[in-house]
Amino acid sequence: MAIYLGNDGFVELSRSSAGQSFITEVDPADVNTLADRLNFDFGNSEFMTGDLIEFTRLDANGNVSSSNLDFVDPADFPGGSASNQAQWYVNVDAQNGVRLYSTAALAIENKLSNAAQLQTPGSTYKVRIELKNNEYKCFGQLQSYELNTDREVVDVTVLGEHARKSISSLISGSGSMTAFWDYELVTNSIGTSTEVEVSNYYHQLILRQQQGSKFKGKFMLKRPEVGKTANAVYYETEAIVTGVAVTFDPGDAVRSQIQFITTGEIKLIIGKPTALLNQLINQTGGAYNLQNSAGRLGLSNP
């Protein structure tokens, strides 16, 4: 008996760092209070729009300082009061300038009126900057994916035995994804969907010099039927992007091909759907209805 999953297969991913942070200096000259824009020597592709980043003020010895971050108005700190450590979502422009926002949706929209109000810092000092994990998003425009799991075999044959003897060892994984290339989030008359990640994210991810190219992924095999409470079936793992390619043929859609290897435990989960999956299981008229005001996610089929 054959099983046809149709459009059940899709990928959820979460932006993630490789556990690394970097240190730079807050320079008053790098804070534009009129445009609420800052640039503390951020490198190309270091951050991307929608990233959640954490600033921590350091003292002259490189330890966490007791002084507050003073380049943001205290009212625009999470919680409404200044501190020596805080997190914001960022919008990154073409010159690597950054605006800070309280939510990912506001960062993507990038309205000046919603940005955190900046102020000129009183001095030059060091800050530690770290990319924090975000919520899972659906990988939009996905055409196909492949996930391989391999187990190394160790030869333990003892000299003099008549047959070769082996035991299993560590598990590793690798895979690839193919998607229609896009650099803008899915939009319609309602607005922009913040629950969708486009393939250009991987093109930027592999260029990160200090943060690494790590991500978390849920590779869906089966989703519950509409209105059902049946279990979802999916692989869950962490991975590092090892290669990204663009396929271009005149008269055809541009495609992205992403290669990755896993870096941690690979789990095959049969369980209840996640919050995002619950939003995606209702399919109407050729599109997944996101059950909020964010918009609609189109099917990846051409």
C-alpha atoms as a PDB file:
ATOM      1  CA  MET A   1       0.000   0.000   0.000  1.00  0.00           C
ATOM      2  CA  ALA A   2       1.374   3.399  -0.973  1.00  0.00           C
ATOM      3  CA  ILE A   3       0.943   6.542   1.100  1.00  0.00           C
ATOM      4  CA  TYR A   4       0.759   9.923  -0.629  1.00  0.00           C
ATOM      5  CA  LEU A   5       1.436  12.821   1.701  1.00  0.00           C
ATOM      6  CA  GLY A   6       0.787  15.541  -0.856  1.00  0.00           C
ATOM      7  CA  ASN A   7       1.458  18.962   0.626  1.00  0.00           C
ATOM      8  CA  ASP A   8       1.953  17.659   4.166  1.00  0.00           C
ATOM      9  CA  GLY A   9       5.740  17.888   4.006  1.00  0.00           C
ATOM     10  CA  PHE A  10       7.163  21.243   5.035  1.00  0.00           C
ATOM     11  CA  VAL A  11       9.929  22.641   7.226  1.00  0.00           C
ATOM     12  CA  GLU A  12       9.794  24.836  10.312  1.00  0.00           C
ATOM     13  CA  LEU A  13      13.022  26.592  11.232  1.00  0.00           C
ATOM     14  CA  SER A  14      14.258  28.716  14.088  1.00  0.00           C
ATOM     15  CA  ARG A  15      17.069  31.232  13.776  1.00  0.00           C
ATOM     16  CA  SER A  16      19.917  30.237  16.052  1.00  0.00           C
ATOM     17  CA  SER A  17      23.473  31.215  16.753  1.00  0.00           C
ATOM     18  CA  ALA A  18      26.363  28.806  17.137  1.00  0.00           C
ATOM     19  CA  GLY A  19      26.659  29.801  20.794  1.00  0.00           C
ATOM     20  CA  GLN A  20      29.084  32.589  20.013  1.00  0.00           C
ATOM     21  CA  SER A  21      28.995  36.305  20.694  1.00  0.00           C
ATOM     22  CA  PHE A  22      31.242  39.171  19.699  1.00  0.00           C
ATOM     23  CA  ILE A  23      32.364  42.363  21.377  1.00  0.00           C
ATOM     24  CA  THR A  24      32.370  45.822  19.846  1.00  0.00           C
ATOM     25  CA  GLU A  25      32.439  49.419  21.040  1.00  0.00           C
ATOM     26  CA  VAL A  26      29.574  51.823  21.503  1.00  0.00           C
ATOM     27  CA  ASP A  27      30.730  55.072  19.907  1.00  0.00           C
ATOM     28  CA  PRO A  28      28.542  58.184  20.311  1.00  0.00           C
ATOM     29  CA  ALA A  29      29.287  59.035  16.663  1.00  0.00           C
ATOM     30  CA  ASP A  30      27.618  55.764  15.582  1.00  0.00           C
ATOM     31  CA  VAL A  31      24.248  56.676  17.093  1.00  0.00           C
ATOM     32  CA  ASN A  32      21.919  58.686  14.863  1.00  0.00           C
ATOM     33  CA  THR A  33      19.233  60.046  17.169  1.00  0.00           C
ATOM     34  CA  LEU A  34      17.274  61.691  14.321  1.00  0.00           C
ATOM     35  CA  ALA A  35      16.818  58.449  12.371  1.00  0.00           C
ATOM     36  CA  ASP A  36      16.957  56.205  15.495  1.00  0.00           C
ATOM     37  CA  ARG A  37      19.656  54.222  13.725  1.00  0.00           C
ATOM     38  CA  LEU A  38      22.918  52.785  15.049  1.00  0.00           C
ATOM     39  CA  ASN A  39      25.947  51.033  13.613  1.00  0.00           C
ATOM     40  CA  PHE A  40      28.569  49.689  16.021  1.00  0.00           C
ATOM     41  CA  ASP A  41      30.944  48.348  13.363  1.00  0.00           C
ATOM     42  CA  PHE A  42      28.476  45.650  12.330  1.00  0.00           C
ATOM     43  CA  GLY A  43      29.894  43.547   9.507  1.00  0.00           C
ATOM     44  CA  ASN A  44      28.145  42.517   6.313  1.00  0.00           C
ATOM     45  CA  SER A  45      25.431  39.885   6.946  1.00  0.00           C
ATOM     46  CA  GLU A  46      26.233  39.909  10.671  1.00  0.00           C
ATOM     47  CA  PHE A  47      22.596  40.512  11.489  1.00  0.00           C
ATOM     48  CA  MET A  48      19.405  40.152   9.471  1.00  0.00           C
ATOM     49  CA  THR A  49      16.016  41.787   9.722  1.00  0.00           C
ATOM     50  CA  GLY A  50      13.944  39.903  12.270  1.00  0.00           C
ATOM     51  CA  ASP A  51      16.886  38.758  14.405  1.00  0.00           C
ATOM     52  CA  LEU A  52      16.543  39.038  18.165  1.00  0.00           C
ATOM     53  CA  ILE A  53      19.843  40.331  19.542  1.00  0.00           C
ATOM     54  CA  GLU A  54      21.014  40.928  23.091  1.00  0.00           C
ATOM     55  CA  PHE A  55      23.257  43.837  24.145  1.00  0.00           C
ATOM     56  CA  THR A  56      25.314  43.532  27.351  1.00  0.00           C
ATOM     57  CA  ARG A  57      27.424  46.418  28.640  1.00  0.00           C
ATOM     58  CA  LEU A  58      30.984  45.491  29.681  1.00  0.00           C
ATOM     59  CA  ASP A  59      33.525  47.245  31.851  1.00  0.00           C
ATOM     60  CA  ALA A  60      37.175  47.932  30.988  1.00  0.00           C
ATOM     61  CA  ASN A  61      38.143  44.400  32.096  1.00  0.00           C
ATOM     62  CA  GLY A  62      35.588  42.719  29.876  1.00  0.00           C
ATOM     63  CA  ASN A  63      33.239  41.820  32.722  1.00  0.00           C
ATOM     64  CA  VAL A  64      29.536  42.668  32.855  1.00  0.00           C
ATOM     65  CA  SER A  65      29.254  46.291  33.898  1.00  0.00           C
ATOM     66  CA  SER A  66      26.957  47.624  36.606  1.00  0.00           C
ATOM     67  CA  SER A  67      26.224  50.680  34.426  1.00  0.00           C
ATOM     68  CA  ASN A  68      23.203  50.709  32.148  1.00  0.00           C
ATOM     69  CA  LEU A  69      23.105  50.740  28.378  1.00  0.00           C
ATOM     70  CA  ASP A  70      22.544  54.414  27.654  1.00  0.00           C
ATOM     71  CA  PHE A  71      22.099  54.560  23.848  1.00  0.00           C
ATOM     72  CA  VAL A  72      18.356  53.738  24.116  1.00  0.00           C
ATOM     73  CA  ASP A  73      15.719  55.805  25.894  1.00  0.00           C
ATOM     74  CA  PRO A  74      14.841  54.018  29.174  1.00  0.00           C
ATOM     75  CA  ALA A  75      11.148  53.980  28.221  1.00  0.00           C
ATOM     76  CA  ASP A  76      11.944  51.775  25.200  1.00  0.00           C
ATOM     77  CA  PHE A  77      13.732  49.070  27.203  1.00  0.00           C
ATOM     78  CA  PRO A  78      11.862  45.791  27.718  1.00  0.00           C
ATOM     79  CA  GLY A  79      10.057  46.358  30.993  1.00  0.00           C
ATOM     80  CA  GLY A  80      10.215  50.140  30.658  1.00  0.00           C
ATOM     81  CA  SER A  81      13.414  50.828  32.612  1.00  0.00           C
ATOM     82  CA  ALA A  82      17.097  50.944  31.640  1.00  0.00           C
ATOM     83  CA  SER A  83      19.458  48.075  32.488  1.00  0.00           C
ATOM     84  CA  ASN A  84      22.921  46.809  31.612  1.00  0.00           C
ATOM     85  CA  GLN A  85      21.477  44.052  29.393  1.00  0.00           C
ATOM     86  CA  ALA A  86      18.524  44.096  27.019  1.00  0.00           C
ATOM     87  CA  GLN A  87      17.126  42.443  23.887  1.00  0.00           C
ATOM     88  CA  TRP A  88      15.511  43.933  20.793  1.00  0.00           C
ATOM     89  CA  TYR A  89      14.456  42.753  17.355  1.00  0.00           C
ATOM     90  CA  VAL A  90      16.374  44.496  14.581  1.00  0.00           C
ATOM     91  CA  ASN A  91      15.781  45.852  11.118  1.00  0.00           C
ATOM     92  CA  VAL A  92      18.962  45.985   9.040  1.00  0.00           C
ATOM     93  CA  ASP A  93      19.279  48.329   6.059  1.00  0.00           C
ATOM     94  CA  ALA A  94      21.572  48.122   3.032  1.00  0.00           C
ATOM     95  CA  GLN A  95      24.393  49.967   4.870  1.00  0.00           C
ATOM     96  CA  ASN A  96      24.211  47.587   7.866  1.00  0.00           C
ATOM     97  CA  GLY A  97      22.515  50.235   9.953  1.00  0.00           C
ATOM     98  CA  VAL A  98      20.212  48.868  12.649  1.00  0.00           C
ATOM     99  CA  ARG A  99      16.940  49.994  14.153  1.00  0.00           C
ATOM    100  CA  LEU A 100      15.593  48.365  17.305  1.00  0.00           C
ATOM    101  CA  TYR A 101      12.017  47.158  17.798  1.00  0.00           C
ATOM    102  CA  SER A 102      10.022  45.367  20.475  1.00  0.00           C
ATOM    103  CA  THR A 103       8.612  42.655  18.160  1.00  0.00           C
ATOM    104  CA  ALA A 104       9.662  40.865  14.974  1.00  0.00           C
ATOM    105  CA  ALA A 105       6.567  42.135  13.150  1.00  0.00           C
ATOM    106  CA  LEU A 106       7.482  45.765  13.886  1.00  0.00           C
ATOM    107  CA  ALA A 107      11.088  45.137  12.834  1.00  0.00           C
ATOM    108  CA  ILE A 108       9.974  43.800   9.465  1.00  0.00           C
ATOM    109  CA  GLU A 109       7.560  46.701   8.974  1.00  0.00           C
ATOM    110  CA  ASN A 110      10.377  49.168   9.835  1.00  0.00           C
ATOM    111  CA  LYS A 111       8.363  52.261  10.624  1.00  0.00           C
ATOM    112  CA  LEU A 112      10.427  54.996  12.264  1.00  0.00           C
ATOM    113  CA  SER A 113       7.557  55.848  14.603  1.00  0.00           C
ATOM    114  CA  ASN A 114       7.676  52.321  16.096  1.00  0.00           C
ATOM    115  CA  ALA A 115      11.466  52.107  16.510  1.00  0.00           C
ATOM    116  CA  ALA A 116      13.112  52.379  19.906  1.00  0.00           C
ATOM    117  CA  GLN A 117      14.129  55.990  20.510  1.00  0.00           C
ATOM    118  CA  LEU A 118      17.907  56.348  20.638  1.00  0.00           C
ATOM    119  CA  GLN A 119      19.947  58.842  22.601  1.00  0.00           C
ATOM    120  CA  THR A 120      23.615  59.828  22.469  1.00  0.00           C
ATOM    121  CA  PRO A 121      25.645  57.709  24.906  1.00  0.00           C
ATOM    122  CA  GLY A 122      27.719  59.542  27.489  1.00  0.00           C
ATOM    123  CA  SER A 123      30.982  57.801  26.577  1.00  0.00           C
ATOM    124  CA  THR A 124      32.598  55.086  24.493  1.00  0.00           C
ATOM    125  CA  TYR A 125      32.390  51.621  26.027  1.00  0.00           C
ATOM    126  CA  LYS A 126      32.323  47.952  25.036  1.00  0.00           C
ATOM    127  CA  VAL A 127      29.229  45.827  24.537  1.00  0.00           C
ATOM    128  CA  ARG A 128      28.797  42.118  23.984  1.00  0.00           C
ATOM    129  CA  ILE A 129      26.293  41.276  21.264  1.00  0.00           C
ATOM    130  CA  GLU A 130      24.683  37.866  20.921  1.00  0.00           C
ATOM    131  CA  LEU A 131      22.034  36.520  18.600  1.00  0.00           C
ATOM    132  CA  LYS A 132      19.195  34.891  20.519  1.00  0.00           C
ATOM    133  CA  ASN A 133      16.903  32.162  19.261  1.00  0.00           C
ATOM    134  CA  ASN A 134      13.614  33.211  17.765  1.00  0.00           C
ATOM    135  CA  GLU A 135      10.326  31.370  17.467  1.00  0.00           C
ATOM    136  CA  TYR A 136       9.847  28.715  14.798  1.00  0.00           C
ATOM    137  CA  LYS A 137       8.726  29.890  11.361  1.00  0.00           C
ATOM    138  CA  CYS A 138       7.573  28.023   8.292  1.00  0.00           C
ATOM    139  CA  PHE A 139      10.087  27.859   5.424  1.00  0.00           C
ATOM    140  CA  GLY A 140       8.112  29.428   2.580  1.00  0.00           C
ATOM    141  CA  GLN A 141       8.349  28.514  -1.121  1.00  0.00           C
ATOM    142  CA  LEU A 142       9.810  25.107  -0.232  1.00  0.00           C
ATOM    143  CA  GLN A 143       9.755  22.689  -3.155  1.00  0.00           C
ATOM    144  CA  SER A 144      11.427  19.603  -1.669  1.00  0.00           C
ATOM    145  CA  TYR A 145      13.758  18.494   1.089  1.00  0.00           C
ATOM    146  CA  GLU A 146      15.920  15.503   1.942  1.00  0.00           C
ATOM    147  CA  LEU A 147      17.184  14.413   5.359  1.00  0.00           C
ATOM    148  CA  ASN A 148      19.667  11.536   5.664  1.00  0.00           C
ATOM    149  CA  THR A 149      20.607   9.762   8.898  1.00  0.00           C
ATOM    150  CA  ASP A 150      23.736   7.622   9.068  1.00  0.00           C
ATOM    151  CA  ARG A 151      25.304   5.545  11.813  1.00  0.00           C
ATOM    152  CA  GLU A 152      29.040   4.888  11.828  1.00  0.00           C
ATOM    153  CA  VAL A 153      30.078   1.255  12.155  1.00  0.00           C
ATOM    154  CA  VAL A 154      33.171   0.271  14.166  1.00  0.00           C
ATOM    155  CA  ASP A 155      35.061  -2.904  13.253  1.00  0.00           C
ATOM    156  CA  VAL A 156      35.773  -4.924  16.426  1.00  0.00           C
ATOM    157  CA  THR A 157      36.941  -8.112  14.773  1.00  0.00           C
ATOM    158  CA  VAL A 158      39.464 -10.000  16.923  1.00  0.00           C
ATOM    159  CA  LEU A 159      42.400 -11.636  15.168  1.00  0.00           C
ATOM    160  CA  GLY A 160      41.681 -15.301  14.626  1.00  0.00           C
ATOM    161  CA  GLU A 161      37.873 -15.068  14.398  1.00  0.00           C
ATOM    162  CA  HIS A 162      36.312 -16.548  11.285  1.00  0.00           C
ATOM    163  CA  ALA A 163      33.787 -13.749  10.682  1.00  0.00           C
ATOM    164  CA  ARG A 164      34.006  -9.984  10.763  1.00  0.00           C
ATOM    165  CA  LYS A 165      32.323  -8.394  13.750  1.00  0.00           C
ATOM    166  CA  SER A 166      31.092  -4.816  13.941  1.00  0.00           C
ATOM    167  CA  ILE A 167      29.133  -2.624  16.358  1.00  0.00           C
ATOM    168  CA  SER A 168      27.187   0.542  15.746  1.00  0.00           C
ATOM    169  CA  SER A 169      28.568   3.919  16.766  1.00  0.00           C
ATOM    170  CA  LEU A 170      27.497   7.558  16.566  1.00  0.00           C
ATOM    171  CA  ILE A 171      24.630   8.871  14.465  1.00  0.00           C
ATOM    172  CA  SER A 172      25.154  11.723  12.023  1.00  0.00           C
ATOM    173  CA  GLY A 173      22.888  13.413   9.524  1.00  0.00           C
ATOM    174  CA  SER A 174      22.892  15.589   6.446  1.00  0.00           C
ATOM    175  CA  GLY A 175      20.404  16.847   3.951  1.00  0.00           C
ATOM    176  CA  SER A 176      19.336  19.404   1.396  1.00  0.00           C
ATOM    177  CA  MET A 177      16.406  21.654   0.618  1.00  0.00           C
ATOM    178  CA  THR A 178      15.207  23.153  -2.652  1.00  0.00           C
ATOM    179  CA  ALA A 179      12.992  26.223  -2.678  1.00  0.00           C
ATOM    180  CA  PHE A 180      11.907  28.983  -5.002  1.00  0.00           C
ATOM    181  CA  TRP A 181      14.247  31.869  -4.257  1.00  0.00           C
ATOM    182  CA  ASP A 182      12.745  34.974  -2.699  1.00  0.00           C
ATOM    183  CA  TYR A 183      14.065  37.819  -0.589  1.00  0.00           C
ATOM    184  CA  GLU A 184      10.764  39.362   0.507  1.00  0.00           C
ATOM    185  CA  LEU A 185       8.273  37.925   2.943  1.00  0.00           C
ATOM    186  CA  VAL A 186       4.920  36.686   1.700  1.00  0.00           C
ATOM    187  CA  THR A 187       2.515  39.599   1.412  1.00  0.00           C
ATOM    188  CA  ASN A 188      -1.091  40.098   0.395  1.00  0.00           C
ATOM    189  CA  SER A 189      -3.842  42.655   0.918  1.00  0.00           C
ATOM    190  CA  ILE A 190      -3.882  41.934   4.643  1.00  0.00           C
ATOM    191  CA  GLY A 191      -0.210  42.543   5.257  1.00  0.00           C
ATOM    192  CA  THR A 192       3.112  40.754   5.717  1.00  0.00           C
ATOM    193  CA  SER A 193       3.381  37.306   7.253  1.00  0.00           C
ATOM    194  CA  THR A 194       5.967  37.177  10.043  1.00  0.00           C
ATOM    195  CA  GLU A 195       5.454  33.392  10.385  1.00  0.00           C
ATOM    196  CA  VAL A 196       7.259  32.717   7.097  1.00  0.00           C
ATOM    197  CA  GLU A 197      11.013  32.596   6.418  1.00  0.00           C
ATOM    198  CA  VAL A 198      12.176  33.010   2.822  1.00  0.00           C
ATOM    199  CA  SER A 199      15.089  31.210   1.178  1.00  0.00           C
ATOM    200  CA  ASN A 200      17.302  34.316   1.037  1.00  0.00           C
ATOM    201  CA  TYR A 201      17.746  33.834   4.796  1.00  0.00           C
ATOM    202  CA  TYR A 202      20.037  30.866   4.069  1.00  0.00           C
ATOM    203  CA  HIS A 203      22.061  32.899   1.575  1.00  0.00           C
ATOM    204  CA  GLN A 204      22.699  35.449   4.328  1.00  0.00           C
ATOM    205  CA  LEU A 205      23.142  32.825   7.028  1.00  0.00           C
ATOM    206  CA  ILE A 206      26.150  31.181   5.412  1.00  0.00           C
ATOM    207  CA  LEU A 207      27.920  34.573   5.182  1.00  0.00           C
ATOM    208  CA  ARG A 208      27.844  35.256   8.914  1.00  0.00           C
ATOM    209  CA  GLN A 209      31.431  35.694   9.989  1.00  0.00           C
ATOM    210  CA  GLN A 210      31.152  35.640  13.790  1.00  0.00           C
ATOM    211  CA  GLN A 211      27.710  34.257  14.578  1.00  0.00           C
ATOM    212  CA  GLY A 212      27.986  31.062  12.516  1.00  0.00           C
ATOM    213  CA  SER A 213      25.402  29.445  10.230  1.00  0.00           C
ATOM    214  CA  LYS A 214      23.456  27.288  12.655  1.00  0.00           C
ATOM    215  CA  PHE A 215      19.685  26.810  12.671  1.00  0.00           C
ATOM    216  CA  LYS A 216      17.087  24.558  14.265  1.00  0.00           C
ATOM    217  CA  GLY A 217      14.722  22.651  12.019  1.00  0.00           C
ATOM    218  CA  LYS A 218      11.561  20.578  12.181  1.00  0.00           C
ATOM    219  CA  PHE A 219      11.160  18.489   9.028  1.00  0.00           C
ATOM    220  CA  MET A 220       7.497  17.601   8.741  1.00  0.00           C
ATOM    221  CA  LEU A 221       6.431  14.245   7.315  1.00  0.00           C
ATOM    222  CA  LYS A 222       2.755  14.234   8.211  1.00  0.00           C
ATOM    223  CA  ARG A 223       0.453  16.844   9.586  1.00  0.00           C
ATOM    224  CA  PRO A 224      -2.966  16.127  11.135  1.00  0.00           C
ATOM    225  CA  GLU A 225      -6.010  16.349   8.922  1.00  0.00           C
ATOM    226  CA  VAL A 226      -8.127  19.467   9.194  1.00  0.00           C
ATOM    227  CA  GLY A 227     -10.231  19.333  12.348  1.00  0.00           C
ATOM    228  CA  LYS A 228      -8.483  16.203  13.620  1.00  0.00           C
ATOM    229  CA  THR A 229      -6.369  15.742  16.750  1.00  0.00           C
ATOM    230  CA  ALA A 230      -4.111  13.073  15.275  1.00  0.00           C
ATOM    231  CA  ASN A 231      -0.382  13.214  15.911  1.00  0.00           C
ATOM    232  CA  ALA A 232       2.075  14.961  13.640  1.00  0.00           C
ATOM    233  CA  VAL A 233       5.180  13.080  12.461  1.00  0.00           C
ATOM    234  CA  TYR A 234       8.415  15.046  12.014  1.00  0.00           C
ATOM    235  CA  TYR A 235      12.189  15.048  12.485  1.00  0.00           C
ATOM    236  CA  GLU A 236      13.704  17.638  14.821  1.00  0.00           C
ATOM    237  CA  THR A 237      17.399  18.542  14.868  1.00  0.00           C
ATOM    238  CA  GLU A 238      19.965  21.329  14.856  1.00  0.00           C
ATOM    239  CA  ALA A 239      22.022  21.877  11.725  1.00  0.00           C
ATOM    240  CA  ILE A 240      24.696  24.014  10.109  1.00  0.00           C
ATOM    241  CA  VAL A 241      24.409  25.303   6.558  1.00  0.00           C
ATOM    242  CA  THR A 242      27.393  24.057   4.546  1.00  0.00           C
ATOM    243  CA  GLY A 243      26.487  25.214   1.058  1.00  0.00           C
ATOM    244  CA  VAL A 244      23.987  27.403  -0.776  1.00  0.00           C
ATOM    245  CA  ALA A 245      23.548  27.550  -4.536  1.00  0.00           C
ATOM    246  CA  VAL A 246      21.259  29.396  -6.919  1.00  0.00           C
ATOM    247  CA  THR A 247      19.843  27.710 -10.009  1.00  0.00           C
ATOM    248  CA  PHE A 248      18.864  30.056 -12.804  1.00  0.00           C
ATOM    249  CA  ASP A 249      17.407  29.073 -16.182  1.00  0.00           C
ATOM    250  CA  PRO A 250      15.940  31.640 -18.599  1.00  0.00           C
ATOM    251  CA  GLY A 251      12.179  31.376 -18.590  1.00  0.00           C
ATOM    252  CA  ASP A 252      12.077  29.441 -15.316  1.00  0.00           C
ATOM    253  CA  ALA A 253      11.810  30.415 -11.658  1.00  0.00           C
ATOM    254  CA  VAL A 254      15.023  31.004  -9.705  1.00  0.00           C
ATOM    255  CA  ARG A 255      15.631  28.253  -7.166  1.00  0.00           C
ATOM    256  CA  SER A 256      17.782  28.000  -4.042  1.00  0.00           C
ATOM    257  CA  GLN A 257      19.542  24.778  -3.112  1.00  0.00           C
ATOM    258  CA  ILE A 258      20.646  24.527   0.518  1.00  0.00           C
ATOM    259  CA  GLN A 259      23.008  21.860   1.869  1.00  0.00           C
ATOM    260  CA  PHE A 260      23.361  21.212   5.605  1.00  0.00           C
ATOM    261  CA  ILE A 261      24.726  18.783   8.185  1.00  0.00           C
ATOM    262  CA  THR A 262      23.228  18.066  11.587  1.00  0.00           C
ATOM    263  CA  THR A 263      25.096  19.034  14.752  1.00  0.00           C
ATOM    264  CA  GLY A 264      23.095  17.399  17.527  1.00  0.00           C
ATOM    265  CA  GLU A 265      20.581  14.743  18.354  1.00  0.00           C
ATOM    266  CA  ILE A 266      18.180  13.739  15.573  1.00  0.00           C
ATOM    267  CA  LYS A 267      14.695  13.011  16.887  1.00  0.00           C
ATOM    268  CA  LEU A 268      11.821  11.367  15.032  1.00  0.00           C
ATOM    269  CA  ILE A 269       8.802  12.694  16.896  1.00  0.00           C
ATOM    270  CA  ILE A 270       5.238  11.457  16.801  1.00  0.00           C
ATOM    271  CA  GLY A 271       3.277  13.914  18.863  1.00  0.00           C
ATOM    272  CA  LYS A 272       0.791  16.723  19.015  1.00  0.00           C
ATOM    273  CA  PRO A 273       1.397  19.628  16.620  1.00  0.00           C
ATOM    274  CA  THR A 274       3.171  22.784  17.725  1.00  0.00           C
ATOM    275  CA  ALA A 275       1.467  26.156  17.938  1.00  0.00           C
ATOM    276  CA  LEU A 276       2.681  27.112  14.458  1.00  0.00           C
ATOM    277  CA  LEU A 277       1.604  23.796  12.988  1.00  0.00           C
ATOM    278  CA  ASN A 278      -1.855  24.314  14.441  1.00  0.00           C
ATOM    279  CA  GLN A 279      -2.036  27.524  12.414  1.00  0.00           C
ATOM    280  CA  LEU A 280      -1.051  25.729   9.217  1.00  0.00           C
ATOM    281  CA  ILE A 281      -3.264  22.639   9.246  1.00  0.00           C
ATOM    282  CA  ASN A 282      -6.366  24.474   7.993  1.00  0.00           C
ATOM    283  CA  GLN A 283      -6.142  24.589   4.221  1.00  0.00           C
ATOM    284  CA  THR A 284      -8.660  26.461   2.117  1.00  0.00           C
ATOM    285  CA  GLY A 285      -8.673  27.277  -1.573  1.00  0.00           C
ATOM    286  CA  GLY A 286      -5.025  26.523  -2.290  1.00  0.00           C
ATOM    287  CA  ALA A 287      -3.476  28.434   0.616  1.00  0.00           C
ATOM    288  CA  TYR A 288      -2.749  27.824   4.273  1.00  0.00           C
ATOM    289  CA  ASN A 289      -4.776  30.254   6.356  1.00  0.00           C
ATOM    290  CA  LEU A 290      -2.692  31.782   9.125  1.00  0.00           C
ATOM    291  CA  GLN A 291      -5.222  32.260  11.884  1.00  0.00           C
ATOM    292  CA  ASN A 292      -4.240  35.818  12.700  1.00  0.00           C
ATOM    293  CA  SER A 293      -3.927  39.145  10.914  1.00  0.00           C
ATOM    294  CA  ALA A 294      -0.493  38.317   9.487  1.00  0.00           C
ATOM    295  CA  GLY A 295      -1.752  37.077   6.122  1.00  0.00           C
ATOM    296  CA  ARG A 296      -1.724  33.862   4.118  1.00  0.00           C
ATOM    297  CA  LEU A 297       1.020  31.427   3.254  1.00  0.00           C
ATOM    298  CA  GLY A 298       0.835  30.199  -0.355  1.00  0.00           C
ATOM    299  CA  LEU A 299       1.562  26.593  -1.267  1.00  0.00           C
ATOM    300  CA  SER A 300       5.071  25.955  -2.565  1.00  0.00           C
ATOM    301  CA  ASN A 301       3.866  24.186  -5.714  1.00  0.00           C
ATOM    302  CA  PRO A 302       4.360  26.283  -8.892  1.00  0.00           C
END
